[in-house]
C-alpha atoms as a PDB file:
ATOM      1  CA  UNK A   1     -24.274   1.242 -15.401  1.00  0.00           C
ATOM      2  CA  UNK A   2     -26.850   4.034 -15.101  1.00  0.00           C
ATOM      3  CA  UNK A   3     -27.795   2.860 -11.623  1.00  0.00           C
ATOM      4  CA  UNK A   4     -24.196   3.245 -10.392  1.00  0.00           C
ATOM      5  CA  UNK A   5     -23.735   6.881 -11.441  1.00  0.00           C
ATOM      6  CA  UNK A   6     -25.055   8.219  -8.114  1.00  0.00           C
ATOM      7  CA  UNK A   7     -22.839   5.901  -6.076  1.00  0.00           C
ATOM      8  CA  UNK A   8     -19.665   6.457  -8.087  1.00  0.00           C
ATOM      9  CA  UNK A   9     -20.185  10.191  -8.392  1.00  0.00           C
ATOM     10  CA  UNK A  10     -20.963  10.512  -4.686  1.00  0.00           C
ATOM     11  CA  UNK A  11     -17.885   8.519  -3.675  1.00  0.00           C
ATOM     12  CA  UNK A  12     -15.565  10.553  -5.874  1.00  0.00           C
ATOM     13  CA  UNK A  13     -17.099  13.844  -4.752  1.00  0.00           C
ATOM     14  CA  UNK A  14     -16.892  12.891  -1.067  1.00  0.00           C
ATOM     15  CA  UNK A  15     -13.319  11.636  -1.170  1.00  0.00           C
ATOM     16  CA  UNK A  16     -12.025  14.602  -3.175  1.00  0.00           C
ATOM     17  CA  UNK A  17     -13.892  17.074  -0.964  1.00  0.00           C
ATOM     18  CA  UNK A  18     -12.461  15.532   2.204  1.00  0.00           C
ATOM     19  CA  UNK A  19      -8.896  15.465   0.897  1.00  0.00           C
ATOM     20  CA  UNK A  20      -9.138  19.058  -0.337  1.00  0.00           C
ATOM     21  CA  UNK A  21     -10.540  20.317   2.953  1.00  0.00           C
ATOM     22  CA  UNK A  22      -7.897  18.336   4.862  1.00  0.00           C
ATOM     23  CA  UNK A  23      -5.177  19.962   2.783  1.00  0.00           C
ATOM     24  CA  UNK A  24      -6.578  23.466   3.217  1.00  0.00           C
ATOM     25  CA  UNK A  25      -7.435  23.245   6.912  1.00  0.00           C
ATOM     26  CA  UNK A  26      -5.012  20.798   8.525  1.00  0.00           C
ATOM     27  CA  UNK A  27      -1.858  20.667   6.405  1.00  0.00           C
ATOM     28  CA  UNK A  28      -1.526  24.415   5.945  1.00  0.00           C
ATOM     29  CA  UNK A  29      -1.683  24.948   9.732  1.00  0.00           C
ATOM     30  CA  UNK A  30       0.662  22.096  10.701  1.00  0.00           C
ATOM     31  CA  UNK A  31       4.405  22.511  10.993  1.00  0.00           C
ATOM     32  CA  UNK A  32       6.562  20.271   8.779  1.00  0.00           C
ATOM     33  CA  UNK A  33       8.139  18.638  11.856  1.00  0.00           C
ATOM     34  CA  UNK A  34       4.833  17.126  13.010  1.00  0.00           C
ATOM     35  CA  UNK A  35       4.096  13.619  11.874  1.00  0.00           C
ATOM     36  CA  UNK A  36       0.632  12.788  10.570  1.00  0.00           C
ATOM     37  CA  UNK A  37      -0.652   9.251  10.119  1.00  0.00           C
ATOM     38  CA  UNK A  38      -1.387   8.890   6.388  1.00  0.00           C
ATOM     39  CA  UNK A  39      -3.372   5.688   6.971  1.00  0.00           C
ATOM     40  CA  UNK A  40      -5.941   7.463   9.118  1.00  0.00           C
ATOM     41  CA  UNK A  41      -6.355  10.199   6.505  1.00  0.00           C
ATOM     42  CA  UNK A  42      -6.893   7.578   3.791  1.00  0.00           C
ATOM     43  CA  UNK A  43      -9.419   5.647   5.899  1.00  0.00           C
ATOM     44  CA  UNK A  44     -11.335   8.845   6.664  1.00  0.00           C
ATOM     45  CA  UNK A  45     -11.399   9.720   2.962  1.00  0.00           C
ATOM     46  CA  UNK A  46     -12.773   6.266   2.139  1.00  0.00           C
ATOM     47  CA  UNK A  47     -15.438   6.417   4.860  1.00  0.00           C
ATOM     48  CA  UNK A  48     -16.530   9.935   3.883  1.00  0.00           C
ATOM     49  CA  UNK A  49     -16.610   8.776   0.247  1.00  0.00           C
ATOM     50  CA  UNK A  50     -18.833   5.839   1.207  1.00  0.00           C
ATOM     51  CA  UNK A  51     -21.149   8.177   3.099  1.00  0.00           C
ATOM     52  CA  UNK A  52     -21.433  10.448   0.068  1.00  0.00           C
ATOM     53  CA  UNK A  53     -21.977   7.383  -2.166  1.00  0.00           C
ATOM     54  CA  UNK A  54     -24.900   6.350   0.057  1.00  0.00           C
ATOM     55  CA  UNK A  55     -26.356   9.859  -0.120  1.00  0.00           C
ATOM     56  CA  UNK A  56     -25.848   9.965  -3.905  1.00  0.00           C
ATOM     57  CA  UNK A  57     -27.593   6.612  -4.264  1.00  0.00           C
ATOM     58  CA  UNK A  58     -30.576   7.824  -2.234  1.00  0.00           C
ATOM     59  CA  UNK A  59     -30.806  11.028  -4.290  1.00  0.00           C
ATOM     60  CA  UNK A  60     -30.641   9.072  -7.542  1.00  0.00           C
ATOM     61  CA  UNK A  61     -33.339   6.635  -6.369  1.00  0.00           C
ATOM     62  CA  UNK A  62     -35.561   9.520  -5.295  1.00  0.00           C
ATOM     63  CA  UNK A  63     -35.169  11.294  -8.652  1.00  0.00           C
ATOM     64  CA  UNK A  64     -35.725   8.175 -10.771  1.00  0.00           C
ATOM     65  CA  UNK A  65     -38.863   7.134  -8.847  1.00  0.00           C
ATOM     66  CA  UNK A  66     -40.667  10.351  -9.725  1.00  0.00           C
END
């Protein structure tokens, strides 16, 4: 389980960061009459989370190898 901490932490951090920034930047500047595709937002959050999980895994591997 110790080897998954970087991946899980990175995924959670990436997904939450993307959704928070999306809320602050996009949703606050969009009128309520506009329709947004929630599926695209969810897919972007998953992909950004996977990117952060990859980065977290690389950081964890680099720190444990020293």
